[in-house]
């Protein structure tokens, strides 16, 4: 039987939140995640899983994956090929660097505190 904590959100005790969780849209978070996957698991010229397959694995909308892929293609990391042997291919390996900022101060005016 599930605990009560499984149904209710955890209490927030800080006005600070991780920048990765608050400052980016879903497609930007997905884009960063895909960059990390490429850097860790793929070589230049490797074929990535399809948008539908990735959307199921990451539990995201295919449109979110598509937008992230399009942005990565504009940045030169991916290329799309159509046809029988087409797909999404890695063009460049992103550098693994630390994010520009780790934490983001959130205005107490917009923080919802649960008691």
PDB file of N, CA and C in Angstrom:
ATOM      1  N   UNK A   1       0.839  -1.179   0.000  1.00  0.00           N
ATOM      2  CA  UNK A   1       0.000   0.000   0.000  1.00  0.00           C
ATOM      3  C   UNK A   1       0.889   1.249   0.000  1.00  0.00           C
ATOM      4  N   UNK A   2       0.578   2.242  -0.851  1.00  0.00           N
ATOM      5  CA  UNK A   2       1.408   3.445  -0.932  1.00  0.00           C
ATOM      6  C   UNK A   2       1.353   4.267   0.359  1.00  0.00           C
ATOM      7  N   UNK A   3       2.447   4.964   0.602  1.00  0.00           N
ATOM      8  CA  UNK A   3       2.500   5.879   1.738  1.00  0.00           C
ATOM      9  C   UNK A   3       1.732   7.149   1.427  1.00  0.00           C
ATOM     10  N   UNK A   4       1.394   7.875   2.461  1.00  0.00           N
ATOM     11  CA  UNK A   4       0.710   9.156   2.284  1.00  0.00           C
ATOM     12  C   UNK A   4       1.602  10.139   1.526  1.00  0.00           C
ATOM     13  N   UNK A   5       2.913  10.035   1.722  1.00  0.00           N
ATOM     14  CA  UNK A   5       3.847  10.956   1.068  1.00  0.00           C
ATOM     15  C   UNK A   5       3.863  10.777  -0.452  1.00  0.00           C
ATOM     16  N   UNK A   6       3.404   9.633  -0.942  1.00  0.00           N
ATOM     17  CA  UNK A   6       3.342   9.425  -2.389  1.00  0.00           C
ATOM     18  C   UNK A   6       2.269  10.282  -3.050  1.00  0.00           C
ATOM     19  N   UNK A   7       1.278  10.710  -2.275  1.00  0.00           N
ATOM     20  CA  UNK A   7       0.157  11.455  -2.836  1.00  0.00           C
ATOM     21  C   UNK A   7       0.265  12.961  -2.645  1.00  0.00           C
ATOM     22  N   UNK A   8       1.075  13.416  -1.709  1.00  0.00           N
ATOM     23  CA  UNK A   8       1.158  14.834  -1.399  1.00  0.00           C
ATOM     24  C   UNK A   8       2.546  15.363  -1.717  1.00  0.00           C
ATOM     25  N   UNK A   9       2.621  16.614  -2.213  1.00  0.00           N
ATOM     26  CA  UNK A   9       3.938  17.169  -2.521  1.00  0.00           C
ATOM     27  C   UNK A   9       4.756  17.384  -1.256  1.00  0.00           C
ATOM     28  N   UNK A  10       6.054  17.330  -1.432  1.00  0.00           N
ATOM     29  CA  UNK A  10       6.942  17.564  -0.298  1.00  0.00           C
ATOM     30  C   UNK A  10       6.949  19.049   0.050  1.00  0.00           C
ATOM     31  N   UNK A  11       7.186  19.363   1.292  1.00  0.00           N
ATOM     32  CA  UNK A  11       7.209  20.755   1.736  1.00  0.00           C
ATOM     33  C   UNK A  11       8.487  21.428   1.255  1.00  0.00           C
ATOM     34  N   UNK A  12       8.330  22.647   0.799  1.00  0.00           N
ATOM     35  CA  UNK A  12       9.478  23.434   0.367  1.00  0.00           C
ATOM     36  C   UNK A  12       9.986  24.239   1.550  1.00  0.00           C
ATOM     37  N   UNK A  13      11.280  24.219   1.763  1.00  0.00           N
ATOM     38  CA  UNK A  13      11.850  24.953   2.885  1.00  0.00           C
ATOM     39  C   UNK A  13      12.807  26.039   2.426  1.00  0.00           C
ATOM     40  N   UNK A  14      12.999  26.191   1.131  1.00  0.00           N
ATOM     41  CA  UNK A  14      13.971  27.144   0.630  1.00  0.00           C
ATOM     42  C   UNK A  14      13.356  27.969  -0.483  1.00  0.00           C
ATOM     43  N   UNK A  15      13.872  29.184  -0.645  1.00  0.00           N
ATOM     44  CA  UNK A  15      13.416  30.005  -1.766  1.00  0.00           C
ATOM     45  C   UNK A  15      14.324  29.810  -2.974  1.00  0.00           C
ATOM     46  N   UNK A  16      15.259  28.871  -2.878  1.00  0.00           N
ATOM     47  CA  UNK A  16      16.154  28.587  -3.987  1.00  0.00           C
ATOM     48  C   UNK A  16      15.734  27.288  -4.657  1.00  0.00           C
ATOM     49  N   UNK A  17      15.878  27.261  -5.963  1.00  0.00           N
ATOM     50  CA  UNK A  17      15.539  26.064  -6.727  1.00  0.00           C
ATOM     51  C   UNK A  17      16.643  25.824  -7.743  1.00  0.00           C
ATOM     52  N   UNK A  18      16.815  24.593  -8.113  1.00  0.00           N
ATOM     53  CA  UNK A  18      17.819  24.249  -9.105  1.00  0.00           C
ATOM     54  C   UNK A  18      17.495  24.938 -10.422  1.00  0.00           C
ATOM     55  N   UNK A  19      18.495  25.554 -11.024  1.00  0.00           N
ATOM     56  CA  UNK A  19      18.288  26.265 -12.285  1.00  0.00           C
ATOM     57  C   UNK A  19      17.811  25.321 -13.374  1.00  0.00           C
ATOM     58  N   UNK A  20      18.284  24.071 -13.361  1.00  0.00           N
ATOM     59  CA  UNK A  20      17.862  23.101 -14.368  1.00  0.00           C
ATOM     60  C   UNK A  20      16.369  22.820 -14.280  1.00  0.00           C
ATOM     61  N   UNK A  21      15.789  22.990 -13.115  1.00  0.00           N
ATOM     62  CA  UNK A  21      14.381  22.666 -12.936  1.00  0.00           C
ATOM     63  C   UNK A  21      13.460  23.841 -13.204  1.00  0.00           C
ATOM     64  N   UNK A  22      13.955  25.072 -13.088  1.00  0.00           N
ATOM     65  CA  UNK A  22      13.053  26.212 -13.157  1.00  0.00           C
ATOM     66  C   UNK A  22      13.275  27.145 -14.329  1.00  0.00           C
ATOM     67  N   UNK A  23      14.505  27.324 -14.749  1.00  0.00           N
ATOM     68  CA  UNK A  23      14.814  28.384 -15.700  1.00  0.00           C
ATOM     69  C   UNK A  23      14.614  27.992 -17.159  1.00  0.00           C
ATOM     70  N   UNK A  24      14.337  26.738 -17.442  1.00  0.00           N
ATOM     71  CA  UNK A  24      14.257  26.292 -18.824  1.00  0.00           C
ATOM     72  C   UNK A  24      12.889  25.708 -19.160  1.00  0.00           C
ATOM     73  N   UNK A  25      12.512  25.858 -20.427  1.00  0.00           N
ATOM     74  CA  UNK A  25      11.310  25.203 -20.929  1.00  0.00           C
ATOM     75  C   UNK A  25      11.595  23.712 -21.081  1.00  0.00           C
ATOM     76  N   UNK A  26      10.526  22.907 -21.243  1.00  0.00           N
ATOM     77  CA  UNK A  26      10.703  21.458 -21.392  1.00  0.00           C
ATOM     78  C   UNK A  26      11.601  21.102 -22.574  1.00  0.00           C
ATOM     79  N   UNK A  27      11.420  21.787 -23.703  1.00  0.00           N
ATOM     80  CA  UNK A  27      12.228  21.443 -24.868  1.00  0.00           C
ATOM     81  C   UNK A  27      13.701  21.783 -24.627  1.00  0.00           C
ATOM     82  N   UNK A  28      13.975  22.826 -23.824  1.00  0.00           N
ATOM     83  CA  UNK A  28      15.364  23.170 -23.520  1.00  0.00           C
ATOM     84  C   UNK A  28      15.993  22.142 -22.580  1.00  0.00           C
ATOM     85  N   UNK A  29      15.223  21.686 -21.602  1.00  0.00           N
ATOM     86  CA  UNK A  29      15.712  20.622 -20.714  1.00  0.00           C
ATOM     87  C   UNK A  29      15.984  19.361 -21.529  1.00  0.00           C
ATOM     88  N   UNK A  30      15.059  19.052 -22.444  1.00  0.00           N
ATOM     89  CA  UNK A  30      15.207  17.878 -23.305  1.00  0.00           C
ATOM     90  C   UNK A  30      16.428  18.026 -24.201  1.00  0.00           C
ATOM     91  N   UNK A  31      16.615  19.213 -24.738  1.00  0.00           N
ATOM     92  CA  UNK A  31      17.764  19.490 -25.595  1.00  0.00           C
ATOM     93  C   UNK A  31      19.065  19.261 -24.821  1.00  0.00           C
ATOM     94  N   UNK A  32      19.144  19.749 -23.594  1.00  0.00           N
ATOM     95  CA  UNK A  32      20.343  19.541 -22.767  1.00  0.00           C
ATOM     96  C   UNK A  32      20.546  18.065 -22.448  1.00  0.00           C
ATOM     97  N   UNK A  33      19.443  17.365 -22.197  1.00  0.00           N
ATOM     98  CA  UNK A  33      19.524  15.932 -21.899  1.00  0.00           C
ATOM     99  C   UNK A  33      20.026  15.150 -23.122  1.00  0.00           C
ATOM    100  N   UNK A  34      19.516  15.490 -24.292  1.00  0.00           N
ATOM    101  CA  UNK A  34      19.936  14.811 -25.520  1.00  0.00           C
ATOM    102  C   UNK A  34      21.409  15.114 -25.815  1.00  0.00           C
ATOM    103  N   UNK A  35      21.838  16.353 -25.566  1.00  0.00           N
ATOM    104  CA  UNK A  35      23.257  16.688 -25.734  1.00  0.00           C
ATOM    105  C   UNK A  35      24.128  15.804 -24.852  1.00  0.00           C
ATOM    106  N   UNK A  36      23.700  15.619 -23.601  1.00  0.00           N
ATOM    107  CA  UNK A  36      24.461  14.771 -22.675  1.00  0.00           C
ATOM    108  C   UNK A  36      24.475  13.323 -23.160  1.00  0.00           C
ATOM    109  N   UNK A  37      23.330  12.839 -23.661  1.00  0.00           N
ATOM    110  CA  UNK A  37      23.268  11.476 -24.199  1.00  0.00           C
ATOM    111  C   UNK A  37      24.215  11.306 -25.380  1.00  0.00           C
ATOM    112  N   UNK A  38      24.235  12.296 -26.259  1.00  0.00           N
ATOM    113  CA  UNK A  38      25.113  12.233 -27.429  1.00  0.00           C
ATOM    114  C   UNK A  38      26.573  12.193 -26.987  1.00  0.00           C
ATOM    115  N   UNK A  39      26.928  13.070 -26.052  1.00  0.00           N
ATOM    116  CA  UNK A  39      28.319  13.144 -25.598  1.00  0.00           C
ATOM    117  C   UNK A  39      28.772  11.841 -24.941  1.00  0.00           C
ATOM    118  N   UNK A  40      27.870  11.166 -24.244  1.00  0.00           N
ATOM    119  CA  UNK A  40      28.234   9.958 -23.511  1.00  0.00           C
ATOM    120  C   UNK A  40      28.135   8.680 -24.343  1.00  0.00           C
ATOM    121  N   UNK A  41      27.177   8.614 -25.271  1.00  0.00           N
ATOM    122  CA  UNK A  41      26.846   7.325 -25.883  1.00  0.00           C
ATOM    123  C   UNK A  41      27.000   7.228 -27.396  1.00  0.00           C
ATOM    124  N   UNK A  42      27.272   8.320 -28.095  1.00  0.00           N
ATOM    125  CA  UNK A  42      27.247   8.273 -29.555  1.00  0.00           C
ATOM    126  C   UNK A  42      28.534   8.810 -30.160  1.00  0.00           C
ATOM    127  N   UNK A  43      28.813   8.364 -31.375  1.00  0.00           N
ATOM    128  CA  UNK A  43      29.943   8.836 -32.172  1.00  0.00           C
ATOM    129  C   UNK A  43      29.390   9.695 -33.306  1.00  0.00           C
ATOM    130  N   UNK A  44      30.266  10.452 -33.952  1.00  0.00           N
ATOM    131  CA  UNK A  44      29.850  11.226 -35.116  1.00  0.00           C
ATOM    132  C   UNK A  44      29.404  10.250 -36.198  1.00  0.00           C
ATOM    133  N   UNK A  45      28.245  10.516 -36.784  1.00  0.00           N
ATOM    134  CA  UNK A  45      27.679   9.641 -37.803  1.00  0.00           C
ATOM    135  C   UNK A  45      26.715   8.605 -37.262  1.00  0.00           C
ATOM    136  N   UNK A  46      26.631   8.465 -35.943  1.00  0.00           N
ATOM    137  CA  UNK A  46      25.707   7.493 -35.339  1.00  0.00           C
ATOM    138  C   UNK A  46      24.266   7.941 -35.533  1.00  0.00           C
ATOM    139  N   UNK A  47      23.398   6.955 -35.662  1.00  0.00           N
ATOM    140  CA  UNK A  47      21.972   7.230 -35.824  1.00  0.00           C
ATOM    141  C   UNK A  47      21.304   7.237 -34.450  1.00  0.00           C
ATOM    142  N   UNK A  48      20.525   8.281 -34.185  1.00  0.00           N
ATOM    143  CA  UNK A  48      19.786   8.387 -32.928  1.00  0.00           C
ATOM    144  C   UNK A  48      18.461   7.642 -33.034  1.00  0.00           C
ATOM    145  N   UNK A  49      17.867   7.281 -31.910  1.00  0.00           N
ATOM    146  CA  UNK A  49      16.530   6.679 -31.941  1.00  0.00           C
ATOM    147  C   UNK A  49      15.522   7.655 -32.549  1.00  0.00           C
ATOM    148  N   UNK A  50      14.422   7.121 -33.022  1.00  0.00           N
ATOM    149  CA  UNK A  50      13.395   7.963 -33.636  1.00  0.00           C
ATOM    150  C   UNK A  50      12.753   8.875 -32.592  1.00  0.00           C
ATOM    151  N   UNK A  51      12.081   9.897 -33.074  1.00  0.00           N
ATOM    152  CA  UNK A  51      11.386  10.839 -32.191  1.00  0.00           C
ATOM    153  C   UNK A  51      10.338  10.109 -31.368  1.00  0.00           C
ATOM    154  N   UNK A  52       9.595   9.210 -32.001  1.00  0.00           N
ATOM    155  CA  UNK A  52       8.548   8.462 -31.285  1.00  0.00           C
ATOM    156  C   UNK A  52       9.166   7.575 -30.208  1.00  0.00           C
ATOM    157  N   UNK A  53      10.249   6.897 -30.547  1.00  0.00           N
ATOM    158  CA  UNK A  53      10.911   6.016 -29.580  1.00  0.00           C
ATOM    159  C   UNK A  53      11.461   6.822 -28.396  1.00  0.00           C
ATOM    160  N   UNK A  54      12.113   7.950 -28.684  1.00  0.00           N
ATOM    161  CA  UNK A  54      12.639   8.791 -27.602  1.00  0.00           C
ATOM    162  C   UNK A  54      11.523   9.379 -26.748  1.00  0.00           C
ATOM    163  N   UNK A  55      10.420   9.746 -27.385  1.00  0.00           N
ATOM    164  CA  UNK A  55       9.311  10.317 -26.609  1.00  0.00           C
ATOM    165  C   UNK A  55       8.739   9.292 -25.637  1.00  0.00           C
ATOM    166  N   UNK A  56       8.723   8.026 -26.033  1.00  0.00           N
ATOM    167  CA  UNK A  56       8.254   6.972 -25.124  1.00  0.00           C
ATOM    168  C   UNK A  56       9.264   6.723 -24.005  1.00  0.00           C
ATOM    169  N   UNK A  57      10.551   6.691 -24.355  1.00  0.00           N
ATOM    170  CA  UNK A  57      11.593   6.442 -23.353  1.00  0.00           C
ATOM    171  C   UNK A  57      11.675   7.565 -22.325  1.00  0.00           C
ATOM    172  N   UNK A  58      11.544   8.816 -22.788  1.00  0.00           N
ATOM    173  CA  UNK A  58      11.672   9.966 -21.896  1.00  0.00           C
ATOM    174  C   UNK A  58      10.332  10.432 -21.342  1.00  0.00           C
ATOM    175  N   UNK A  59       9.250   9.798 -21.781  1.00  0.00           N
ATOM    176  CA  UNK A  59       7.896  10.144 -21.349  1.00  0.00           C
ATOM    177  C   UNK A  59       7.589  11.619 -21.614  1.00  0.00           C
ATOM    178  N   UNK A  60       7.847  12.030 -22.856  1.00  0.00           N
ATOM    179  CA  UNK A  60       7.597  13.397 -23.291  1.00  0.00           C
ATOM    180  C   UNK A  60       6.798  13.378 -24.584  1.00  0.00           C
ATOM    181  N   UNK A  61       6.238  14.505 -24.914  1.00  0.00           N
ATOM    182  CA  UNK A  61       5.507  14.647 -26.166  1.00  0.00           C
ATOM    183  C   UNK A  61       6.483  14.572 -27.346  1.00  0.00           C
ATOM    184  N   UNK A  62       6.076  13.925 -28.443  1.00  0.00           N
ATOM    185  CA  UNK A  62       6.937  13.921 -29.633  1.00  0.00           C
ATOM    186  C   UNK A  62       7.258  15.336 -30.129  1.00  0.00           C
ATOM    187  N   UNK A  63       6.330  16.279 -29.930  1.00  0.00           N
ATOM    188  CA  UNK A  63       6.588  17.662 -30.347  1.00  0.00           C
ATOM    189  C   UNK A  63       7.735  18.288 -29.559  1.00  0.00           C
ATOM    190  N   UNK A  64       7.855  17.937 -28.284  1.00  0.00           N
ATOM    191  CA  UNK A  64       8.959  18.441 -27.458  1.00  0.00           C
ATOM    192  C   UNK A  64      10.284  17.898 -27.976  1.00  0.00           C
ATOM    193  N   UNK A  65      10.322  16.601 -28.288  1.00  0.00           N
ATOM    194  CA  UNK A  65      11.533  15.982 -28.833  1.00  0.00           C
ATOM    195  C   UNK A  65      11.868  16.602 -30.188  1.00  0.00           C
ATOM    196  N   UNK A  66      10.855  16.785 -31.023  1.00  0.00           N
ATOM    197  CA  UNK A  66      11.056  17.353 -32.363  1.00  0.00           C
ATOM    198  C   UNK A  66      11.654  18.759 -32.268  1.00  0.00           C
ATOM    199  N   UNK A  67      11.128  19.577 -31.352  1.00  0.00           N
ATOM    200  CA  UNK A  67      11.644  20.941 -31.203  1.00  0.00           C
ATOM    201  C   UNK A  67      13.095  20.916 -30.714  1.00  0.00           C
ATOM    202  N   UNK A  68      13.395  20.032 -29.772  1.00  0.00           N
ATOM    203  CA  UNK A  68      14.774  19.900 -29.284  1.00  0.00           C
ATOM    204  C   UNK A  68      15.694  19.444 -30.420  1.00  0.00           C
ATOM    205  N   UNK A  69      15.264  18.459 -31.206  1.00  0.00           N
ATOM    206  CA  UNK A  69      16.052  17.978 -32.349  1.00  0.00           C
ATOM    207  C   UNK A  69      16.291  19.107 -33.354  1.00  0.00           C
ATOM    208  N   UNK A  70      15.245  19.875 -33.664  1.00  0.00           N
ATOM    209  CA  UNK A  70      15.387  20.975 -34.623  1.00  0.00           C
ATOM    210  C   UNK A  70      16.400  22.008 -34.134  1.00  0.00           C
ATOM    211  N   UNK A  71      16.347  22.337 -32.845  1.00  0.00           N
ATOM    212  CA  UNK A  71      17.308  23.296 -32.296  1.00  0.00           C
ATOM    213  C   UNK A  71      18.729  22.740 -32.334  1.00  0.00           C
ATOM    214  N   UNK A  72      18.872  21.456 -32.029  1.00  0.00           N
ATOM    215  CA  UNK A  72      20.200  20.834 -32.084  1.00  0.00           C
ATOM    216  C   UNK A  72      20.719  20.774 -33.522  1.00  0.00           C
ATOM    217  N   UNK A  73      19.813  20.587 -34.475  1.00  0.00           N
ATOM    218  CA  UNK A  73      20.214  20.596 -35.889  1.00  0.00           C
ATOM    219  C   UNK A  73      20.662  21.998 -36.304  1.00  0.00           C
ATOM    220  N   UNK A  74      19.950  23.028 -35.847  1.00  0.00           N
ATOM    221  CA  UNK A  74      20.346  24.411 -36.147  1.00  0.00           C
ATOM    222  C   UNK A  74      21.719  24.731 -35.560  1.00  0.00           C
ATOM    223  N   UNK A  75      22.010  24.142 -34.395  1.00  0.00           N
ATOM    224  CA  UNK A  75      23.303  24.363 -33.736  1.00  0.00           C
ATOM    225  C   UNK A  75      24.416  23.508 -34.341  1.00  0.00           C
ATOM    226  N   UNK A  76      24.068  22.610 -35.263  1.00  0.00           N
ATOM    227  CA  UNK A  76      25.072  21.813 -35.956  1.00  0.00           C
ATOM    228  C   UNK A  76      25.405  20.479 -35.306  1.00  0.00           C
ATOM    229  N   UNK A  77      24.629  20.062 -34.327  1.00  0.00           N
ATOM    230  CA  UNK A  77      24.897  18.784 -33.662  1.00  0.00           C
ATOM    231  C   UNK A  77      24.238  17.599 -34.367  1.00  0.00           C
ATOM    232  N   UNK A  78      23.129  17.834 -35.054  1.00  0.00           N
ATOM    233  CA  UNK A  78      22.375  16.755 -35.701  1.00  0.00           C
ATOM    234  C   UNK A  78      22.102  17.102 -37.153  1.00  0.00           C
ATOM    235  N   UNK A  79      21.823  16.064 -37.946  1.00  0.00           N
ATOM    236  CA  UNK A  79      21.323  16.263 -39.312  1.00  0.00           C
ATOM    237  C   UNK A  79      20.233  15.228 -39.565  1.00  0.00           C
ATOM    238  N   UNK A  80      19.291  15.613 -40.382  1.00  0.00           N
ATOM    239  CA  UNK A  80      18.177  14.727 -40.710  1.00  0.00           C
ATOM    240  C   UNK A  80      18.352  14.222 -42.136  1.00  0.00           C
ATOM    241  N   UNK A  81      18.047  12.941 -42.335  1.00  0.00           N
ATOM    242  CA  UNK A  81      18.045  12.360 -43.677  1.00  0.00           C
ATOM    243  C   UNK A  81      16.710  11.679 -43.890  1.00  0.00           C
ATOM    244  N   UNK A  82      16.163  11.867 -45.077  1.00  0.00           N
ATOM    245  CA  UNK A  82      14.894  11.232 -45.417  1.00  0.00           C
ATOM    246  C   UNK A  82      15.156   9.988 -46.246  1.00  0.00           C
ATOM    247  N   UNK A  83      14.147   9.166 -46.319  1.00  0.00           N
ATOM    248  CA  UNK A  83      14.264   7.985 -47.166  1.00  0.00           C
ATOM    249  C   UNK A  83      14.383   6.707 -46.366  1.00  0.00           C
ATOM    250  N   UNK A  84      14.632   5.642 -47.116  1.00  0.00           N
ATOM    251  CA  UNK A  84      14.653   4.303 -46.527  1.00  0.00           C
ATOM    252  C   UNK A  84      15.684   4.161 -45.410  1.00  0.00           C
ATOM    253  N   UNK A  85      16.853   4.725 -45.581  1.00  0.00           N
ATOM    254  CA  UNK A  85      17.912   4.618 -44.577  1.00  0.00           C
ATOM    255  C   UNK A  85      18.090   5.936 -43.821  1.00  0.00           C
ATOM    256  N   UNK A  86      17.052   6.735 -43.827  1.00  0.00           N
ATOM    257  CA  UNK A  86      17.111   8.040 -43.179  1.00  0.00           C
ATOM    258  C   UNK A  86      16.980   7.954 -41.672  1.00  0.00           C
ATOM    259  N   UNK A  87      16.985   9.116 -41.065  1.00  0.00           N
ATOM    260  CA  UNK A  87      16.868   9.218 -39.618  1.00  0.00           C
ATOM    261  C   UNK A  87      17.566  10.473 -39.137  1.00  0.00           C
ATOM    262  N   UNK A  88      17.878  10.488 -37.867  1.00  0.00           N
ATOM    263  CA  UNK A  88      18.583  11.608 -37.261  1.00  0.00           C
ATOM    264  C   UNK A  88      19.986  11.142 -36.906  1.00  0.00           C
ATOM    265  N   UNK A  89      20.987  11.861 -37.407  1.00  0.00           N
ATOM    266  CA  UNK A  89      22.373  11.450 -37.237  1.00  0.00           C
ATOM    267  C   UNK A  89      23.176  12.516 -36.503  1.00  0.00           C
ATOM    268  N   UNK A  90      24.172  12.063 -35.755  1.00  0.00           N
ATOM    269  CA  UNK A  90      25.042  12.961 -34.997  1.00  0.00           C
ATOM    270  C   UNK A  90      26.063  13.580 -35.948  1.00  0.00           C
ATOM    271  N   UNK A  91      26.156  14.901 -35.933  1.00  0.00           N
ATOM    272  CA  UNK A  91      27.124  15.629 -36.761  1.00  0.00           C
ATOM    273  C   UNK A  91      28.321  16.097 -35.951  1.00  0.00           C
ATOM    274  N   UNK A  92      28.092  16.428 -34.688  1.00  0.00           N
ATOM    275  CA  UNK A  92      29.145  16.957 -33.832  1.00  0.00           C
ATOM    276  C   UNK A  92      28.862  16.518 -32.402  1.00  0.00           C
ATOM    277  N   UNK A  93      29.910  16.307 -31.639  1.00  0.00           N
ATOM    278  CA  UNK A  93      29.760  15.907 -30.241  1.00  0.00           C
ATOM    279  C   UNK A  93      29.815  17.166 -29.378  1.00  0.00           C
ATOM    280  N   UNK A  94      28.771  17.418 -28.582  1.00  0.00           N
ATOM    281  CA  UNK A  94      28.790  18.606 -27.716  1.00  0.00           C
ATOM    282  C   UNK A  94      29.866  18.488 -26.644  1.00  0.00           C
ATOM    283  N   UNK A  95      30.446  19.615 -26.301  1.00  0.00           N
ATOM    284  CA  UNK A  95      31.416  19.634 -25.206  1.00  0.00           C
ATOM    285  C   UNK A  95      30.669  19.481 -23.893  1.00  0.00           C
ATOM    286  N   UNK A  96      31.235  18.710 -22.996  1.00  0.00           N
ATOM    287  CA  UNK A  96      30.621  18.577 -21.679  1.00  0.00           C
ATOM    288  C   UNK A  96      31.206  19.654 -20.788  1.00  0.00           C
ATOM    289  N   UNK A  97      30.386  20.631 -20.495  1.00  0.00           N
ATOM    290  CA  UNK A  97      30.820  21.724 -19.632  1.00  0.00           C
ATOM    291  C   UNK A  97      29.780  21.934 -18.549  1.00  0.00           C
ATOM    292  N   UNK A  98      30.204  22.587 -17.515  1.00  0.00           N
ATOM    293  CA  UNK A  98      29.260  22.846 -16.431  1.00  0.00           C
ATOM    294  C   UNK A  98      28.294  23.934 -16.865  1.00  0.00           C
ATOM    295  N   UNK A  99      27.070  23.905 -16.343  1.00  0.00           N
ATOM    296  CA  UNK A  99      26.104  24.930 -16.713  1.00  0.00           C
ATOM    297  C   UNK A  99      26.573  26.314 -16.267  1.00  0.00           C
ATOM    298  N   UNK A 100      26.044  27.332 -16.926  1.00  0.00           N
ATOM    299  CA  UNK A 100      26.435  28.703 -16.616  1.00  0.00           C
ATOM    300  C   UNK A 100      26.134  29.063 -15.167  1.00  0.00           C
ATOM    301  N   UNK A 101      25.057  28.548 -14.653  1.00  0.00           N
ATOM    302  CA  UNK A 101      24.730  28.783 -13.253  1.00  0.00           C
ATOM    303  C   UNK A 101      24.045  27.556 -12.701  1.00  0.00           C
ATOM    304  N   UNK A 102      24.262  27.282 -11.435  1.00  0.00           N
ATOM    305  CA  UNK A 102      23.719  26.080 -10.812  1.00  0.00           C
ATOM    306  C   UNK A 102      22.407  26.349 -10.094  1.00  0.00           C
ATOM    307  N   UNK A 103      22.311  27.497  -9.444  1.00  0.00           N
ATOM    308  CA  UNK A 103      21.130  27.793  -8.640  1.00  0.00           C
ATOM    309  C   UNK A 103      20.550  29.123  -9.062  1.00  0.00           C
ATOM    310  N   UNK A 104      19.280  29.238  -8.888  1.00  0.00           N
ATOM    311  CA  UNK A 104      18.553  30.427  -9.285  1.00  0.00           C
ATOM    312  C   UNK A 104      17.762  30.913  -8.092  1.00  0.00           C
ATOM    313  N   UNK A 105      17.888  32.185  -7.757  1.00  0.00           N
ATOM    314  CA  UNK A 105      17.104  32.735  -6.653  1.00  0.00           C
ATOM    315  C   UNK A 105      15.685  32.979  -7.148  1.00  0.00           C
ATOM    316  N   UNK A 106      14.730  32.548  -6.378  1.00  0.00           N
ATOM    317  CA  UNK A 106      13.326  32.695  -6.733  1.00  0.00           C
ATOM    318  C   UNK A 106      12.703  33.705  -5.789  1.00  0.00           C
ATOM    319  N   UNK A 107      11.949  34.620  -6.324  1.00  0.00           N
ATOM    320  CA  UNK A 107      11.296  35.625  -5.492  1.00  0.00           C
ATOM    321  C   UNK A 107      10.296  34.958  -4.555  1.00  0.00           C
ATOM    322  N   UNK A 108      10.338  35.284  -3.258  1.00  0.00           N
ATOM    323  CA  UNK A 108       9.377  34.700  -2.308  1.00  0.00           C
ATOM    324  C   UNK A 108       7.929  34.986  -2.700  1.00  0.00           C
ATOM    325  N   UNK A 109       7.729  36.038  -3.483  1.00  0.00           N
ATOM    326  CA  UNK A 109       6.386  36.397  -3.937  1.00  0.00           C
ATOM    327  C   UNK A 109       5.771  35.272  -4.778  1.00  0.00           C
ATOM    328  N   UNK A 110       6.632  34.532  -5.489  1.00  0.00           N
ATOM    329  CA  UNK A 110       6.140  33.494  -6.386  1.00  0.00           C
ATOM    330  C   UNK A 110       6.306  32.078  -5.841  1.00  0.00           C
ATOM    331  N   UNK A 111       6.849  31.951  -4.652  1.00  0.00           N
ATOM    332  CA  UNK A 111       7.057  30.636  -4.055  1.00  0.00           C
ATOM    333  C   UNK A 111       5.814  30.230  -3.285  1.00  0.00           C
ATOM    334  N   UNK A 112       5.377  29.023  -3.510  1.00  0.00           N
ATOM    335  CA  UNK A 112       4.216  28.506  -2.799  1.00  0.00           C
ATOM    336  C   UNK A 112       4.718  27.586  -1.693  1.00  0.00           C
ATOM    337  N   UNK A 113       4.376  27.907  -0.460  1.00  0.00           N
ATOM    338  CA  UNK A 113       4.840  27.134   0.684  1.00  0.00           C
ATOM    339  C   UNK A 113       3.687  26.294   1.196  1.00  0.00           C
ATOM    340  N   UNK A 114       3.973  25.015   1.407  1.00  0.00           N
ATOM    341  CA  UNK A 114       2.967  24.099   1.922  1.00  0.00           C
ATOM    342  C   UNK A 114       3.203  23.881   3.409  1.00  0.00           C
ATOM    343  N   UNK A 115       2.165  23.980   4.192  1.00  0.00           N
ATOM    344  CA  UNK A 115       2.272  23.731   5.638  1.00  0.00           C
ATOM    345  C   UNK A 115       1.583  22.451   6.014  1.00  0.00           C
TER     346      UNK A 115
END
